[in-house]
Amino acid sequence: MSVSFSDQIRVLWRAAIHVVVWSVWYSRNQWIFKGKSVDFMATLSLVWHSVYDANHLGIGCMRNCVDDLLILRRFGLSGRPGKAPVIMSVGWSPSAPRWIKVNTDGSALGSPGVGGCGGIFRTCRSFVRACFAVPLGQVFAFEAELLTASLAINYAWNLGWHRIWLESDSSYVMQLLSIRSDQVT
């Protein structure tokens, strides 16, 4: 059985929230009904151990992404990789002199789903010149990627940058744009 990372994080957050609420309730009752003082460090330790146990009792494996792995690392936990894509760090390379490089990304949560997009414009020396983030409403992932590229081109043109180097993780969008630019020149 394969479980997405979102499911695993939900299990961990639910475990943490339940343990915190239960610990507050239990400590309150100990203090009110038995006159015992609350040991904050013991309560905090109980929360950490419960989240750790929930991670090890989790169901199946997860699909890793960098942001999600960083959250797990903050808890001192490790993921259980499955047959998910390999995550690798990719280095950014600057554009040629007098060019502006724009890196874009668009996504949708679902098909269609709530989407958003963004981009960052940098000089050949890696200085940030501008950036944007736009909510898109209900879109397909491809629409989000295409809208992102279109917005980036429009923003660059309006800012007077006519030499832009567009990078996107959507090979289909890049293919469409390169075919169109070949027809224009």
Protein backbone atom coordinates (compact mmCIF):
# COMPACT_ATOMS: atom_id res chain seq x y z
CA MET A 1 0.00 0.00 0.00
CA SER A 2 1.39 3.38 -0.97
CA VAL A 3 0.56 6.48 1.04
CA SER A 4 1.25 9.99 -0.13
CA PHE A 5 3.34 12.27 2.00
CA SER A 6 0.32 14.47 2.63
CA ASP A 7 -1.39 11.50 4.28
CA GLN A 8 1.67 10.79 6.43
CA ILE A 9 1.98 14.44 7.48
CA ARG A 10 -1.74 14.51 8.33
CA VAL A 11 -1.25 11.44 10.55
CA LEU A 12 1.73 13.09 12.27
CA TRP A 13 -0.04 16.42 12.79
CA ARG A 14 -3.16 14.68 14.06
CA ALA A 15 -1.05 12.63 16.46
CA ALA A 16 0.70 15.78 17.68
CA ILE A 17 -2.56 17.73 18.08
CA HIS A 18 -4.32 14.86 19.86
CA VAL A 19 -1.41 14.34 22.24
CA VAL A 20 -1.15 18.07 23.01
CA VAL A 21 -4.90 18.35 23.69
CA TRP A 22 -4.90 15.16 25.75
CA SER A 23 -1.78 16.27 27.69
CA VAL A 24 -3.32 19.65 28.51
CA TRP A 25 -6.55 17.95 29.61
CA TYR A 26 -4.70 15.31 31.65
CA SER A 27 -2.34 17.85 33.28
CA ARG A 28 -5.26 20.14 34.10
CA ASN A 29 -7.13 17.27 35.76
CA GLN A 30 -4.03 16.22 37.70
CA TRP A 31 -3.61 19.78 38.96
CA ILE A 32 -7.31 20.41 39.80
CA PHE A 33 -8.28 17.03 41.25
CA LYS A 34 -5.00 15.73 42.70
CA GLY A 35 -3.07 18.93 43.33
CA LYS A 36 -0.10 17.72 41.26
CA SER A 37 2.02 20.29 39.44
CA VAL A 38 2.49 20.11 35.67
CA ASP A 39 5.92 19.11 34.38
CA PHE A 40 6.20 20.97 31.07
CA MET A 41 9.29 19.06 29.90
CA ALA A 42 7.62 15.69 30.54
CA THR A 43 4.56 16.82 28.58
CA LEU A 44 6.73 18.06 25.71
CA SER A 45 8.66 14.78 25.75
CA LEU A 46 5.38 12.86 25.57
CA VAL A 47 4.34 14.87 22.48
CA TRP A 48 7.67 14.23 20.71
CA HIS A 49 7.60 10.51 21.51
CA SER A 50 4.01 10.21 20.30
CA VAL A 51 4.82 11.89 16.99
CA TYR A 52 7.90 9.67 16.64
CA ASP A 53 5.79 6.56 17.34
CA ALA A 54 3.10 7.71 14.89
CA ASN A 55 5.78 8.03 12.20
CA HIS A 56 7.02 4.48 12.80
CA LEU A 57 3.52 3.05 12.98
CA GLY A 58 2.55 4.92 9.79
CA ILE A 59 0.93 3.11 6.95
CA GLY A 60 2.94 2.18 3.87
CA CYS A 61 5.48 4.38 2.20
CA MET A 62 5.46 8.00 1.13
CA ARG A 63 6.17 10.10 -1.92
CA ASN A 64 8.92 12.47 -0.94
CA CYS A 65 9.30 16.11 -1.83
CA VAL A 66 11.93 18.47 -0.45
CA ASP A 67 9.55 20.68 1.58
CA ASP A 68 7.90 17.66 3.17
CA LEU A 69 11.24 16.08 4.03
CA LEU A 70 12.34 19.32 5.69
CA ILE A 71 9.21 19.24 7.88
CA LEU A 72 9.99 15.66 8.91
CA ARG A 73 13.61 16.59 9.61
CA ARG A 74 12.45 19.39 11.96
CA PHE A 75 10.61 16.69 13.93
CA GLY A 76 13.74 14.53 13.87
CA LEU A 77 11.98 11.95 11.71
CA SER A 78 12.83 10.26 8.46
CA GLY A 79 10.48 9.30 5.66
CA ARG A 80 9.92 5.85 4.32
CA PRO A 81 10.72 6.14 0.63
CA GLY A 82 8.72 4.00 -1.73
CA LYS A 83 8.83 3.75 -5.48
CA ALA A 84 8.57 7.51 -5.76
CA PRO A 85 10.63 9.71 -8.03
CA VAL A 86 14.13 10.48 -6.85
CA ILE A 87 14.62 13.97 -5.46
CA MET A 88 17.78 15.68 -6.52
CA SER A 89 19.08 19.16 -6.10
CA VAL A 90 19.52 21.00 -9.37
CA GLY A 91 21.87 23.92 -9.61
CA TRP A 92 20.74 27.21 -11.09
CA SER A 93 22.80 28.60 -13.92
CA PRO A 94 22.83 32.31 -14.77
CA SER A 95 21.71 33.76 -18.08
CA ALA A 96 23.95 35.31 -20.69
CA PRO A 97 24.95 38.97 -20.14
CA ARG A 98 22.17 41.50 -20.92
CA TRP A 99 19.53 38.80 -20.61
CA ILE A 100 16.99 38.34 -17.82
CA LYS A 101 16.33 34.78 -16.73
CA VAL A 102 12.90 33.91 -15.36
CA ASN A 103 12.23 30.65 -13.54
CA THR A 104 8.54 29.78 -13.36
CA ASP A 105 6.30 27.17 -11.83
CA GLY A 106 2.58 26.60 -11.87
CA SER A 107 0.59 23.91 -10.15
CA ALA A 108 -2.91 22.73 -9.34
CA LEU A 109 -4.07 20.68 -6.39
CA GLY A 110 -6.35 18.24 -8.18
CA SER A 111 -7.48 17.85 -11.76
CA PRO A 112 -8.88 20.47 -12.04
CA GLY A 113 -8.08 22.01 -8.71
CA VAL A 114 -7.09 25.16 -6.94
CA GLY A 115 -3.99 26.42 -8.68
CA GLY A 116 -1.34 29.03 -8.40
CA CYS A 117 1.76 30.18 -10.17
CA GLY A 118 4.87 32.21 -9.68
CA GLY A 119 8.15 33.25 -11.15
CA ILE A 120 11.38 35.01 -10.33
CA PHE A 121 13.40 37.25 -12.65
CA ARG A 122 17.20 37.33 -12.23
CA THR A 123 20.11 39.02 -13.97
CA CYS A 124 23.20 37.26 -15.31
CA ARG A 125 24.79 37.94 -11.89
CA SER A 126 21.88 36.25 -10.08
CA PHE A 127 20.42 39.48 -8.70
CA VAL A 128 16.66 39.30 -8.27
CA ARG A 129 14.98 41.97 -10.40
CA ALA A 130 11.35 41.01 -9.82
CA CYS A 131 9.08 38.16 -8.81
CA PHE A 132 5.40 37.31 -8.91
CA ALA A 133 2.92 34.90 -7.34
CA VAL A 134 -0.67 34.66 -8.56
CA PRO A 135 -3.61 32.51 -7.38
CA LEU A 136 -5.39 30.97 -10.37
CA GLY A 137 -8.60 29.45 -9.05
CA GLN A 138 -9.77 26.13 -10.54
CA VAL A 139 -7.32 25.01 -13.27
CA PHE A 140 -5.61 21.94 -14.63
CA ALA A 141 -1.87 21.59 -13.97
CA PHE A 142 -1.05 22.22 -17.64
CA GLU A 143 -3.17 25.40 -17.62
CA ALA A 144 -1.31 26.61 -14.54
CA GLU A 145 2.06 26.01 -16.20
CA LEU A 146 0.98 27.70 -19.44
CA LEU A 147 -0.54 30.68 -17.61
CA THR A 148 2.66 31.04 -15.60
CA ALA A 149 4.82 31.20 -18.72
CA SER A 150 2.39 33.64 -20.34
CA LEU A 151 2.36 35.89 -17.25
CA ALA A 152 6.16 35.82 -17.05
CA ILE A 153 6.49 36.89 -20.69
CA ASN A 154 3.87 39.61 -20.22
CA TYR A 155 5.51 40.95 -17.04
CA ALA A 156 8.94 40.97 -18.70
CA TRP A 157 7.62 42.83 -21.74
CA ASN A 158 5.84 45.42 -19.57
CA LEU A 159 9.04 45.95 -17.56
CA GLY A 160 10.98 46.57 -20.78
CA TRP A 161 12.93 43.31 -20.71
CA HIS A 162 12.83 42.01 -24.26
CA ARG A 163 15.63 39.46 -23.89
CA ILE A 164 14.34 36.84 -21.50
CA TRP A 165 15.40 33.29 -20.89
CA LEU A 166 12.35 31.36 -19.65
CA GLU A 167 12.76 28.18 -17.62
CA SER A 168 9.85 25.97 -16.62
CA ASP A 169 9.51 22.41 -15.35
CA SER A 170 6.82 21.76 -17.97
CA SER A 171 8.52 20.32 -21.02
CA TYR A 172 5.25 20.51 -22.97
CA VAL A 173 4.87 24.26 -22.35
CA MET A 174 8.50 24.84 -23.31
CA GLN A 175 7.97 22.78 -26.46
CA LEU A 176 4.89 24.84 -27.39
CA LEU A 177 6.72 28.12 -26.81
CA SER A 178 9.79 27.07 -28.77
CA ILE A 179 7.67 25.94 -31.74
CA ARG A 180 5.81 29.27 -31.65
CA SER A 181 9.02 31.31 -31.38
CA ASP A 182 10.51 29.41 -34.36
CA GLN A 183 7.45 30.36 -36.44
CA VAL A 184 7.73 34.05 -35.46
CA THR A 185 11.44 34.50 -36.31
